[in-house]
Full PDB file with SEQRES, HELIX, SHEET, SSBOND, CRYST1, ORIGX, SCALE, CONECT and MASTER records, all heavy atoms in Angstrom:
SEQRES   1 A   36  TYR LYS ASP SER VAL LYS GLY ARG PHE THR ILE SER ARG          
SEQRES   2 A   36  ASP ASN ALA LYS ASN THR VAL TYR LEU GLN MET SER ASN          
SEQRES   3 A   36  VAL LYS PRO GLU ASP THR ALA VAL TYR TYR                      
HELIX    1 AA1 ASP A    3  VAL A    5  5                                   3    
HELIX    2 AA2 PRO A   29  ASP A   31  5                                   3    
SHEET    1 AA1 2 PHE A   9  ASP A  14  0                                        
SHEET    2 AA1 2 THR A  19  MET A  24 -1                                        
CRYST1    1.000    1.000    1.000  90.00  90.00  90.00 P 1           1          
ORIGX1      1.000000  0.000000  0.000000        0.00000                         
ORIGX2      0.000000  1.000000  0.000000        0.00000                         
ORIGX3      0.000000  0.000000  1.000000        0.00000                         
SCALE1      1.000000  0.000000  0.000000        0.00000                         
SCALE2      0.000000  1.000000  0.000000        0.00000                         
SCALE3      0.000000  0.000000  1.000000        0.00000                         
ATOM      1  N   TYR A   1      12.223 -43.630 119.852  1.00  0.00           N  
ATOM      2  CA  TYR A   1      12.166 -42.906 118.526  1.00  0.00           C  
ATOM      3  C   TYR A   1      10.821 -42.725 118.037  1.00  0.00           C  
ATOM      4  O   TYR A   1       9.895 -43.405 118.246  1.00  0.00           O  
ATOM      5  CB  TYR A   1      12.961 -43.820 117.462  1.00  0.00           C  
ATOM      6  CG  TYR A   1      14.510 -44.015 117.819  1.00  0.00           C  
ATOM      7  CD1 TYR A   1      14.845 -45.090 118.546  1.00  0.00           C  
ATOM      8  CD2 TYR A   1      15.451 -43.096 117.415  1.00  0.00           C  
ATOM      9  CE1 TYR A   1      16.180 -45.300 118.923  1.00  0.00           C  
ATOM     10  CE2 TYR A   1      16.761 -43.210 117.755  1.00  0.00           C  
ATOM     11  CZ  TYR A   1      17.106 -44.442 118.441  1.00  0.00           C  
ATOM     12  OH  TYR A   1      18.381 -44.619 118.898  1.00  0.00           O  
ATOM     13  N   LYS A   2      10.629 -41.670 117.251  1.00  0.00           N  
ATOM     14  CA  LYS A   2       9.504 -41.507 116.390  1.00  0.00           C  
ATOM     15  C   LYS A   2       9.350 -42.724 115.427  1.00  0.00           C  
ATOM     16  O   LYS A   2      10.388 -43.188 114.932  1.00  0.00           O  
ATOM     17  CB  LYS A   2       9.619 -40.110 115.650  1.00  0.00           C  
ATOM     18  CG  LYS A   2       8.459 -39.972 114.641  1.00  0.00           C  
ATOM     19  CD  LYS A   2       8.717 -38.589 113.964  1.00  0.00           C  
ATOM     20  CE  LYS A   2       7.774 -38.309 112.903  1.00  0.00           C  
ATOM     21  NZ  LYS A   2       6.317 -38.271 113.396  1.00  0.00           N  
ATOM     22  N   ASP A   3       8.236 -43.280 115.239  1.00  0.00           N  
ATOM     23  CA  ASP A   3       8.081 -44.446 114.483  1.00  0.00           C  
ATOM     24  C   ASP A   3       8.726 -44.316 113.113  1.00  0.00           C  
ATOM     25  O   ASP A   3       9.287 -45.263 112.556  1.00  0.00           O  
ATOM     26  CB  ASP A   3       6.561 -44.804 114.335  1.00  0.00           C  
ATOM     27  CG  ASP A   3       6.014 -45.399 115.652  1.00  0.00           C  
ATOM     28  OD1 ASP A   3       6.764 -45.669 116.469  1.00  0.00           O  
ATOM     29  OD2 ASP A   3       4.833 -45.420 115.652  1.00  0.00           O  
ATOM     30  N   SER A   4       8.497 -43.180 112.349  1.00  0.00           N  
ATOM     31  CA  SER A   4       8.938 -43.080 111.107  1.00  0.00           C  
ATOM     32  C   SER A   4      10.503 -43.004 110.890  1.00  0.00           C  
ATOM     33  O   SER A   4      10.975 -43.092 109.812  1.00  0.00           O  
ATOM     34  CB  SER A   4       8.469 -41.826 110.494  1.00  0.00           C  
ATOM     35  OG  SER A   4       8.846 -40.541 111.129  1.00  0.00           O  
ATOM     36  N   VAL A   5      11.140 -42.924 111.959  1.00  0.00           N  
ATOM     37  CA  VAL A   5      12.634 -42.871 111.793  1.00  0.00           C  
ATOM     38  C   VAL A   5      13.275 -44.161 112.441  1.00  0.00           C  
ATOM     39  O   VAL A   5      14.457 -44.316 112.409  1.00  0.00           O  
ATOM     40  CB  VAL A   5      13.329 -41.601 112.518  1.00  0.00           C  
ATOM     41  CG1 VAL A   5      12.729 -40.335 112.045  1.00  0.00           C  
ATOM     42  CG2 VAL A   5      13.240 -41.647 114.047  1.00  0.00           C  
ATOM     43  N   LYS A   6      12.505 -45.021 113.019  1.00  0.00           N  
ATOM     44  CA  LYS A   6      13.059 -46.292 113.724  1.00  0.00           C  
ATOM     45  C   LYS A   6      13.688 -47.018 112.599  1.00  0.00           C  
ATOM     46  O   LYS A   6      13.219 -47.308 111.504  1.00  0.00           O  
ATOM     47  CB  LYS A   6      11.880 -47.038 114.318  1.00  0.00           C  
ATOM     48  CG  LYS A   6      11.317 -46.416 115.588  1.00  0.00           C  
ATOM     49  CD  LYS A   6      10.253 -47.305 116.114  1.00  0.00           C  
ATOM     50  CE  LYS A   6       9.641 -46.779 117.502  1.00  0.00           C  
ATOM     51  NZ  LYS A   6       8.569 -47.480 117.955  1.00  0.00           N  
ATOM     52  N   GLY A   7      14.907 -47.637 113.091  1.00  0.00           N  
ATOM     53  CA  GLY A   7      15.691 -48.349 112.108  1.00  0.00           C  
ATOM     54  C   GLY A   7      16.546 -47.547 111.225  1.00  0.00           C  
ATOM     55  O   GLY A   7      17.477 -48.121 110.395  1.00  0.00           O  
ATOM     56  N   ARG A   8      16.287 -46.167 111.100  1.00  0.00           N  
ATOM     57  CA  ARG A   8      17.151 -45.375 110.288  1.00  0.00           C  
ATOM     58  C   ARG A   8      18.031 -44.293 111.206  1.00  0.00           C  
ATOM     59  O   ARG A   8      19.109 -44.011 110.636  1.00  0.00           O  
ATOM     60  CB  ARG A   8      16.190 -44.580 109.283  1.00  0.00           C  
ATOM     61  CG  ARG A   8      15.383 -45.457 108.374  1.00  0.00           C  
ATOM     62  CD  ARG A   8      14.721 -44.588 107.329  1.00  0.00           C  
ATOM     63  NE  ARG A   8      13.771 -43.643 107.979  1.00  0.00           N  
ATOM     64  CZ  ARG A   8      13.878 -42.280 107.761  1.00  0.00           C  
ATOM     65  NH1 ARG A   8      14.895 -41.839 107.057  1.00  0.00           N  
ATOM     66  NH2 ARG A   8      12.949 -41.468 108.306  1.00  0.00           N  
ATOM     67  N   PHE A   9      17.508 -43.871 112.185  1.00  0.00           N  
ATOM     68  CA  PHE A   9      18.149 -42.860 112.978  1.00  0.00           C  
ATOM     69  C   PHE A   9      18.517 -43.492 114.350  1.00  0.00           C  
ATOM     70  O   PHE A   9      18.005 -44.496 114.927  1.00  0.00           O  
ATOM     71  CB  PHE A   9      17.244 -41.726 113.433  1.00  0.00           C  
ATOM     72  CG  PHE A   9      16.898 -40.784 112.198  1.00  0.00           C  
ATOM     73  CD1 PHE A   9      17.209 -41.169 110.952  1.00  0.00           C  
ATOM     74  CD2 PHE A   9      16.245 -39.693 112.466  1.00  0.00           C  
ATOM     75  CE1 PHE A   9      16.820 -40.315 109.864  1.00  0.00           C  
ATOM     76  CE2 PHE A   9      15.883 -38.766 111.444  1.00  0.00           C  
ATOM     77  CZ  PHE A   9      16.190 -39.037 110.084  1.00  0.00           C  
ATOM     78  N   THR A  10      19.767 -43.046 114.815  1.00  0.00           N  
ATOM     79  CA  THR A  10      20.123 -43.482 116.016  1.00  0.00           C  
ATOM     80  C   THR A  10      20.732 -42.442 116.942  1.00  0.00           C  
ATOM     81  O   THR A  10      21.602 -41.645 116.425  1.00  0.00           O  
ATOM     82  CB  THR A  10      21.404 -44.569 115.912  1.00  0.00           C  
ATOM     83  OG1 THR A  10      20.999 -45.637 115.189  1.00  0.00           O  
ATOM     84  CG2 THR A  10      21.924 -45.085 117.455  1.00  0.00           C  
ATOM     85  N   ILE A  11      20.207 -42.299 118.168  1.00  0.00           N  
ATOM     86  CA  ILE A  11      20.625 -41.234 119.150  1.00  0.00           C  
ATOM     87  C   ILE A  11      21.579 -41.962 120.093  1.00  0.00           C  
ATOM     88  O   ILE A  11      21.433 -42.961 120.467  1.00  0.00           O  
ATOM     89  CB  ILE A  11      19.321 -40.615 119.856  1.00  0.00           C  
ATOM     90  CG1 ILE A  11      19.884 -39.431 120.655  1.00  0.00           C  
ATOM     91  CG2 ILE A  11      18.625 -41.618 120.653  1.00  0.00           C  
ATOM     92  CD1 ILE A  11      18.637 -38.497 121.325  1.00  0.00           C  
ATOM     93  N   SER A  12      22.611 -41.056 120.374  1.00  0.00           N  
ATOM     94  CA  SER A  12      23.611 -41.515 121.355  1.00  0.00           C  
ATOM     95  C   SER A  12      24.120 -40.438 122.051  1.00  0.00           C  
ATOM     96  O   SER A  12      23.924 -39.224 121.745  1.00  0.00           O  
ATOM     97  CB  SER A  12      24.722 -42.452 120.594  1.00  0.00           C  
ATOM     98  OG  SER A  12      25.408 -41.503 119.660  1.00  0.00           O  
ATOM     99  N   ARG A  13      24.860 -40.644 123.244  1.00  0.00           N  
ATOM    100  CA  ARG A  13      25.513 -39.632 123.983  1.00  0.00           C  
ATOM    101  C   ARG A  13      26.777 -40.027 124.408  1.00  0.00           C  
ATOM    102  O   ARG A  13      27.073 -41.158 124.771  1.00  0.00           O  
ATOM    103  CB  ARG A  13      24.495 -39.153 125.100  1.00  0.00           C  
ATOM    104  CG  ARG A  13      24.347 -40.269 126.210  1.00  0.00           C  
ATOM    105  CD  ARG A  13      23.237 -39.872 127.131  1.00  0.00           C  
ATOM    106  NE  ARG A  13      23.488 -38.646 128.004  1.00  0.00           N  
ATOM    107  CZ  ARG A  13      22.623 -37.916 128.556  1.00  0.00           C  
ATOM    108  NH1 ARG A  13      21.337 -38.194 128.415  1.00  0.00           N  
ATOM    109  NH2 ARG A  13      23.054 -36.811 129.202  1.00  0.00           N  
ATOM    110  N   ASP A  14      27.765 -38.963 124.641  1.00  0.00           N  
ATOM    111  CA  ASP A  14      28.911 -39.235 125.187  1.00  0.00           C  
ATOM    112  C   ASP A  14      29.116 -38.259 126.412  1.00  0.00           C  
ATOM    113  O   ASP A  14      29.380 -36.987 126.123  1.00  0.00           O  
ATOM    114  CB  ASP A  14      30.019 -38.923 124.223  1.00  0.00           C  
ATOM    115  CG  ASP A  14      31.441 -39.288 124.735  1.00  0.00           C  
ATOM    116  OD1 ASP A  14      31.613 -39.322 125.883  1.00  0.00           O  
ATOM    117  OD2 ASP A  14      32.345 -39.446 123.937  1.00  0.00           O  
ATOM    118  N   ASN A  15      28.923 -38.635 127.596  1.00  0.00           N  
ATOM    119  CA  ASN A  15      28.806 -37.810 128.808  1.00  0.00           C  
ATOM    120  C   ASN A  15      30.196 -37.131 129.042  1.00  0.00           C  
ATOM    121  O   ASN A  15      30.215 -35.995 129.535  1.00  0.00           O  
ATOM    122  CB  ASN A  15      28.388 -38.520 130.006  1.00  0.00           C  
ATOM    123  CG  ASN A  15      26.860 -38.952 129.929  1.00  0.00           C  
ATOM    124  OD1 ASN A  15      26.242 -38.244 129.167  1.00  0.00           O  
ATOM    125  ND2 ASN A  15      26.511 -39.836 130.735  1.00  0.00           N  
ATOM    126  N   ALA A  16      31.238 -37.923 128.667  1.00  0.00           N  
ATOM    127  CA  ALA A  16      32.517 -37.274 128.915  1.00  0.00           C  
ATOM    128  C   ALA A  16      32.779 -36.083 127.995  1.00  0.00           C  
ATOM    129  O   ALA A  16      33.722 -35.253 128.308  1.00  0.00           O  
ATOM    130  CB  ALA A  16      33.753 -38.297 128.582  1.00  0.00           C  
ATOM    131  N   LYS A  17      32.063 -36.026 126.929  1.00  0.00           N  
ATOM    132  CA  LYS A  17      32.238 -34.915 125.832  1.00  0.00           C  
ATOM    133  C   LYS A  17      30.971 -33.836 125.960  1.00  0.00           C  
ATOM    134  O   LYS A  17      31.056 -32.908 125.108  1.00  0.00           O  
ATOM    135  CB  LYS A  17      32.437 -35.438 124.446  1.00  0.00           C  
ATOM    136  CG  LYS A  17      33.695 -36.200 124.218  1.00  0.00           C  
ATOM    137  CD  LYS A  17      33.771 -36.699 122.844  1.00  0.00           C  
ATOM    138  CE  LYS A  17      35.086 -37.447 122.594  1.00  0.00           C  
ATOM    139  NZ  LYS A  17      35.188 -37.969 121.297  1.00  0.00           N  
ATOM    140  N   ASN A  18      30.102 -34.251 126.896  1.00  0.00           N  
ATOM    141  CA  ASN A  18      28.846 -33.414 126.948  1.00  0.00           C  
ATOM    142  C   ASN A  18      28.254 -33.242 125.608  1.00  0.00           C  
ATOM    143  O   ASN A  18      27.858 -32.095 125.184  1.00  0.00           O  
ATOM    144  CB  ASN A  18      29.256 -31.918 127.459  1.00  0.00           C  
ATOM    145  CG  ASN A  18      29.491 -32.027 128.897  1.00  0.00           C  
ATOM    146  OD1 ASN A  18      29.406 -32.992 129.641  1.00  0.00           O  
ATOM    147  ND2 ASN A  18      29.767 -30.748 129.475  1.00  0.00           N  
ATOM    148  N   THR A  19      28.115 -34.296 124.871  1.00  0.00           N  
ATOM    149  CA  THR A  19      27.626 -34.364 123.378  1.00  0.00           C  
ATOM    150  C   THR A  19      26.525 -35.416 123.263  1.00  0.00           C  
ATOM    151  O   THR A  19      26.827 -36.483 123.622  1.00  0.00           O  
ATOM    152  CB  THR A  19      28.831 -34.440 122.457  1.00  0.00           C  
ATOM    153  OG1 THR A  19      29.762 -33.422 122.711  1.00  0.00           O  
ATOM    154  CG2 THR A  19      28.384 -34.344 121.124  1.00  0.00           C  
ATOM    155  N   VAL A  20      25.526 -35.032 122.551  1.00  0.00           N  
ATOM    156  CA  VAL A  20      24.617 -35.917 122.065  1.00  0.00           C  
ATOM    157  C   VAL A  20      24.590 -35.974 120.446  1.00  0.00           C  
ATOM    158  O   VAL A  20      24.795 -34.967 119.970  1.00  0.00           O  
ATOM    159  CB  VAL A  20      23.286 -35.540 122.658  1.00  0.00           C  
ATOM    160  CG1 VAL A  20      22.639 -34.254 122.130  1.00  0.00           C  
ATOM    161  CG2 VAL A  20      22.083 -36.733 122.190  1.00  0.00           C  
ATOM    162  N   TYR A  21      24.399 -37.101 119.831  1.00  0.00           N  
ATOM    163  CA  TYR A  21      24.438 -37.240 118.444  1.00  0.00           C  
ATOM    164  C   TYR A  21      23.234 -37.861 117.905  1.00  0.00           C  
ATOM    165  O   TYR A  21      22.375 -38.448 118.499  1.00  0.00           O  
ATOM    166  CB  TYR A  21      25.577 -38.292 118.077  1.00  0.00           C  
ATOM    167  CG  TYR A  21      26.973 -37.833 118.674  1.00  0.00           C  
ATOM    168  CD1 TYR A  21      27.433 -38.463 119.837  1.00  0.00           C  
ATOM    169  CD2 TYR A  21      27.803 -37.063 117.891  1.00  0.00           C  
ATOM    170  CE1 TYR A  21      28.567 -38.121 120.361  1.00  0.00           C  
ATOM    171  CE2 TYR A  21      29.043 -36.802 118.421  1.00  0.00           C  
ATOM    172  CZ  TYR A  21      29.539 -37.350 119.657  1.00  0.00           C  
ATOM    173  OH  TYR A  21      30.707 -37.024 120.118  1.00  0.00           O  
ATOM    174  N   LEU A  22      22.934 -37.523 116.661  1.00  0.00           N  
ATOM    175  CA  LEU A  22      21.916 -38.084 115.933  1.00  0.00           C  
ATOM    176  C   LEU A  22      22.461 -38.700 114.603  1.00  0.00           C  
ATOM    177  O   LEU A  22      22.843 -37.751 113.749  1.00  0.00           O  
ATOM    178  CB  LEU A  22      20.757 -37.223 115.634  1.00  0.00           C  
ATOM    179  CG  LEU A  22      19.420 -37.845 114.994  1.00  0.00           C  
ATOM    180  CD1 LEU A  22      18.868 -38.848 115.957  1.00  0.00           C  
ATOM    181  CD2 LEU A  22      18.468 -36.904 114.541  1.00  0.00           C  
ATOM    182  N   GLN A  23      22.659 -40.024 114.506  1.00  0.00           N  
ATOM    183  CA  GLN A  23      23.196 -40.569 113.361  1.00  0.00           C  
ATOM    184  C   GLN A  23      21.794 -40.804 112.470  1.00  0.00           C  
ATOM    185  O   GLN A  23      21.041 -41.553 112.798  1.00  0.00           O  
ATOM    186  CB  GLN A  23      23.805 -41.857 113.518  1.00  0.00           C  
ATOM    187  CG  GLN A  23      24.254 -42.653 112.332  1.00  0.00           C  
ATOM    188  CD  GLN A  23      25.409 -41.898 111.660  1.00  0.00           C  
ATOM    189  OE1 GLN A  23      26.439 -41.451 112.177  1.00  0.00           O  
ATOM    190  NE2 GLN A  23      25.058 -41.679 110.201  1.00  0.00           N  
ATOM    191  N   MET A  24      21.924 -40.260 111.309  1.00  0.00           N  
ATOM    192  CA  MET A  24      20.800 -40.384 110.320  1.00  0.00           C  
ATOM    193  C   MET A  24      21.270 -41.056 109.204  1.00  0.00           C  
ATOM    194  O   MET A  24      22.184 -40.760 108.437  1.00  0.00           O  
ATOM    195  CB  MET A  24      20.280 -38.934 109.912  1.00  0.00           C  
ATOM    196  CG  MET A  24      19.958 -38.041 111.048  1.00  0.00           C  
ATOM    197  SD  MET A  24      19.704 -36.276 110.547  1.00  0.00           S  
ATOM    198  CE  MET A  24      18.278 -36.503 109.453  1.00  0.00           C  
ATOM    199  N   SER A  25      20.611 -42.280 108.854  1.00  0.00           N  
ATOM    200  CA  SER A  25      20.852 -43.121 107.747  1.00  0.00           C  
ATOM    201  C   SER A  25      19.716 -43.351 106.886  1.00  0.00           C  
ATOM    202  O   SER A  25      18.549 -43.222 107.375  1.00  0.00           O  
ATOM    203  CB  SER A  25      21.499 -44.499 108.234  1.00  0.00           C  
ATOM    204  OG  SER A  25      22.549 -44.382 109.029  1.00  0.00           O  
ATOM    205  N   ASN A  26      19.957 -43.640 105.544  1.00  0.00           N  
ATOM    206  CA  ASN A  26      18.834 -43.889 104.622  1.00  0.00           C  
ATOM    207  C   ASN A  26      17.897 -42.689 104.719  1.00  0.00           C  
ATOM    208  O   ASN A  26      16.604 -42.905 104.979  1.00  0.00           O  
ATOM    209  CB  ASN A  26      18.229 -45.229 104.878  1.00  0.00           C  
ATOM    210  CG  ASN A  26      17.157 -45.548 103.731  1.00  0.00           C  
ATOM    211  OD1 ASN A  26      17.283 -45.162 102.681  1.00  0.00           O  
ATOM    212  ND2 ASN A  26      16.233 -46.414 104.200  1.00  0.00           N  
ATOM    213  N   VAL A  27      18.426 -41.435 104.590  1.00  0.00           N  
ATOM    214  CA  VAL A  27      17.480 -40.242 104.875  1.00  0.00           C  
ATOM    215  C   VAL A  27      16.420 -40.163 103.659  1.00  0.00           C  
ATOM    216  O   VAL A  27      16.702 -40.704 102.540  1.00  0.00           O  
ATOM    217  CB  VAL A  27      18.221 -39.083 104.943  1.00  0.00           C  
ATOM    218  CG1 VAL A  27      19.079 -39.160 106.318  1.00  0.00           C  
ATOM    219  CG2 VAL A  27      19.142 -38.691 103.802  1.00  0.00           C  
ATOM    220  N   LYS A  28      15.353 -39.542 103.895  1.00  0.00           N  
ATOM    221  CA  LYS A  28      14.247 -39.359 102.920  1.00  0.00           C  
ATOM    222  C   LYS A  28      14.000 -37.874 102.831  1.00  0.00           C  
ATOM    223  O   LYS A  28      14.185 -37.110 103.774  1.00  0.00           O  
ATOM    224  CB  LYS A  28      13.035 -40.183 103.464  1.00  0.00           C  
ATOM    225  CG  LYS A  28      13.096 -41.660 103.667  1.00  0.00           C  
ATOM    226  CD  LYS A  28      11.961 -42.357 104.219  1.00  0.00           C  
ATOM    227  CE  LYS A  28      12.178 -43.740 104.388  1.00  0.00           C  
ATOM    228  NZ  LYS A  28      10.983 -44.456 104.958  1.00  0.00           N  
ATOM    229  N   PRO A  29      13.325 -37.507 101.743  1.00  0.00           N  
ATOM    230  CA  PRO A  29      13.022 -36.090 101.567  1.00  0.00           C  
ATOM    231  C   PRO A  29      12.135 -35.584 102.776  1.00  0.00           C  
ATOM    232  O   PRO A  29      12.299 -34.437 103.155  1.00  0.00           O  
ATOM    233  CB  PRO A  29      12.273 -36.002 100.306  1.00  0.00           C  
ATOM    234  CG  PRO A  29      12.870 -37.153  99.529  1.00  0.00           C  
ATOM    235  CD  PRO A  29      13.153 -38.209 100.424  1.00  0.00           C  
ATOM    236  N   GLU A  30      11.317 -36.420 103.243  1.00  0.00           N  
ATOM    237  CA  GLU A  30      10.506 -35.877 104.357  1.00  0.00           C  
ATOM    238  C   GLU A  30      11.333 -35.717 105.806  1.00  0.00           C  
ATOM    239  O   GLU A  30      10.603 -35.253 106.805  1.00  0.00           O  
ATOM    240  CB  GLU A  30       9.295 -37.019 104.655  1.00  0.00           C  
ATOM    241  CG  GLU A  30       9.829 -38.305 104.748  1.00  0.00           C  
ATOM    242  CD  GLU A  30       9.617 -39.172 103.507  1.00  0.00           C  
ATOM    243  OE1 GLU A  30       9.930 -38.664 102.372  1.00  0.00           O  
ATOM    244  OE2 GLU A  30       9.130 -40.305 103.628  1.00  0.00           O  
ATOM    245  N   ASP A  31      12.455 -36.081 105.807  1.00  0.00           N  
ATOM    246  CA  ASP A  31      13.440 -35.816 106.898  1.00  0.00           C  
ATOM    247  C   ASP A  31      13.885 -34.340 106.869  1.00  0.00           C  
ATOM    248  O   ASP A  31      14.423 -33.892 107.756  1.00  0.00           O  
ATOM    249  CB  ASP A  31      14.539 -36.710 106.883  1.00  0.00           C  
ATOM    250  CG  ASP A  31      14.198 -38.172 107.155  1.00  0.00           C  
ATOM    251  OD1 ASP A  31      13.177 -38.368 107.937  1.00  0.00           O  
ATOM    252  OD2 ASP A  31      14.763 -39.096 106.617  1.00  0.00           O  
ATOM    253  N   THR A  32      13.783 -33.627 105.843  1.00  0.00           N  
ATOM    254  CA  THR A  32      14.099 -32.222 105.723  1.00  0.00           C  
ATOM    255  C   THR A  32      13.441 -31.399 106.781  1.00  0.00           C  
ATOM    256  O   THR A  32      12.218 -31.364 106.882  1.00  0.00           O  
ATOM    257  CB  THR A  32      13.783 -31.643 104.270  1.00  0.00           C  
ATOM    258  OG1 THR A  32      14.528 -32.427 103.378  1.00  0.00           O  
ATOM    259  CG2 THR A  32      14.075 -30.242 104.278  1.00  0.00           C  
ATOM    260  N   ALA A  33      14.236 -30.837 107.610  1.00  0.00           N  
ATOM    261  CA  ALA A  33      13.630 -30.011 108.664  1.00  0.00           C  
ATOM    262  C   ALA A  33      14.960 -29.304 109.382  1.00  0.00           C  
ATOM    263  O   ALA A  33      16.112 -29.536 109.150  1.00  0.00           O  
ATOM    264  CB  ALA A  33      12.992 -30.832 109.695  1.00  0.00           C  
ATOM    265  N   VAL A  34      14.568 -28.294 110.277  1.00  0.00           N  
ATOM    266  CA  VAL A  34      15.619 -27.850 111.211  1.00  0.00           C  
ATOM    267  C   VAL A  34      15.525 -28.801 112.425  1.00  0.00           C  
ATOM    268  O   VAL A  34      14.501 -29.059 112.984  1.00  0.00           O  
ATOM    269  CB  VAL A  34      15.275 -26.367 111.551  1.00  0.00           C  
ATOM    270  CG1 VAL A  34      16.306 -25.983 112.822  1.00  0.00           C  
ATOM    271  CG2 VAL A  34      15.355 -25.449 110.488  1.00  0.00           C  
ATOM    272  N   TYR A  35      16.675 -29.289 112.837  1.00  0.00           N  
ATOM    273  CA  TYR A  35      16.806 -30.276 113.797  1.00  0.00           C  
ATOM    274  C   TYR A  35      17.338 -29.470 115.083  1.00  0.00           C  
ATOM    275  O   TYR A  35      18.354 -28.748 114.941  1.00  0.00           O  
ATOM    276  CB  TYR A  35      17.678 -31.352 113.499  1.00  0.00           C  
ATOM    277  CG  TYR A  35      17.033 -32.412 112.598  1.00  0.00           C  
ATOM    278  CD1 TYR A  35      16.845 -32.110 111.332  1.00  0.00           C  
ATOM    279  CD2 TYR A  35      16.625 -33.529 113.034  1.00  0.00           C  
ATOM    280  CE1 TYR A  35      16.229 -32.974 110.441  1.00  0.00           C  
ATOM    281  CE2 TYR A  35      16.005 -34.534 112.195  1.00  0.00           C  
ATOM    282  CZ  TYR A  35      15.856 -34.277 110.908  1.00  0.00           C  
ATOM    283  OH  TYR A  35      15.143 -35.142 110.070  1.00  0.00           O  
ATOM    284  N   TYR A  36      16.648 -29.698 116.272  1.00  0.00           N  
ATOM    285  CA  TYR A  36      16.931 -28.983 117.509  1.00  0.00           C  
ATOM    286  C   TYR A  36      17.348 -29.976 118.507  1.00  0.00           C  
ATOM    287  O   TYR A  36      16.699 -30.917 118.732  1.00  0.00           O  
ATOM    288  CB  TYR A  36      15.781 -28.171 117.915  1.00  0.00           C  
ATOM    289  CG  TYR A  36      15.221 -27.102 116.989  1.00  0.00           C  
ATOM    290  CD1 TYR A  36      14.232 -27.318 116.146  1.00  0.00           C  
ATOM    291  CD2 TYR A  36      15.792 -25.835 117.090  1.00  0.00           C  
ATOM    292  CE1 TYR A  36      13.859 -26.346 115.278  1.00  0.00           C  
ATOM    293  CE2 TYR A  36      15.382 -24.676 116.227  1.00  0.00           C  
ATOM    294  CZ  TYR A  36      14.477 -25.077 115.339  1.00  0.00           C  
ATOM    295  OH  TYR A  36      14.042 -24.032 114.549  1.00  0.00           O  
TER     296      TYR A  36                                                      
MASTER        0    0    0    2    2    0    0    6  295    1    0    3          
END                                                                             
């Protein structure tokens, strides 16, 4: 993880569903962005 999101964001994947997730918690205004 990028240092500024450690402890707040969690990336995970489900290969059976061909899906990757980003769980974002305790978000901050500086997290505002287009996520790719």
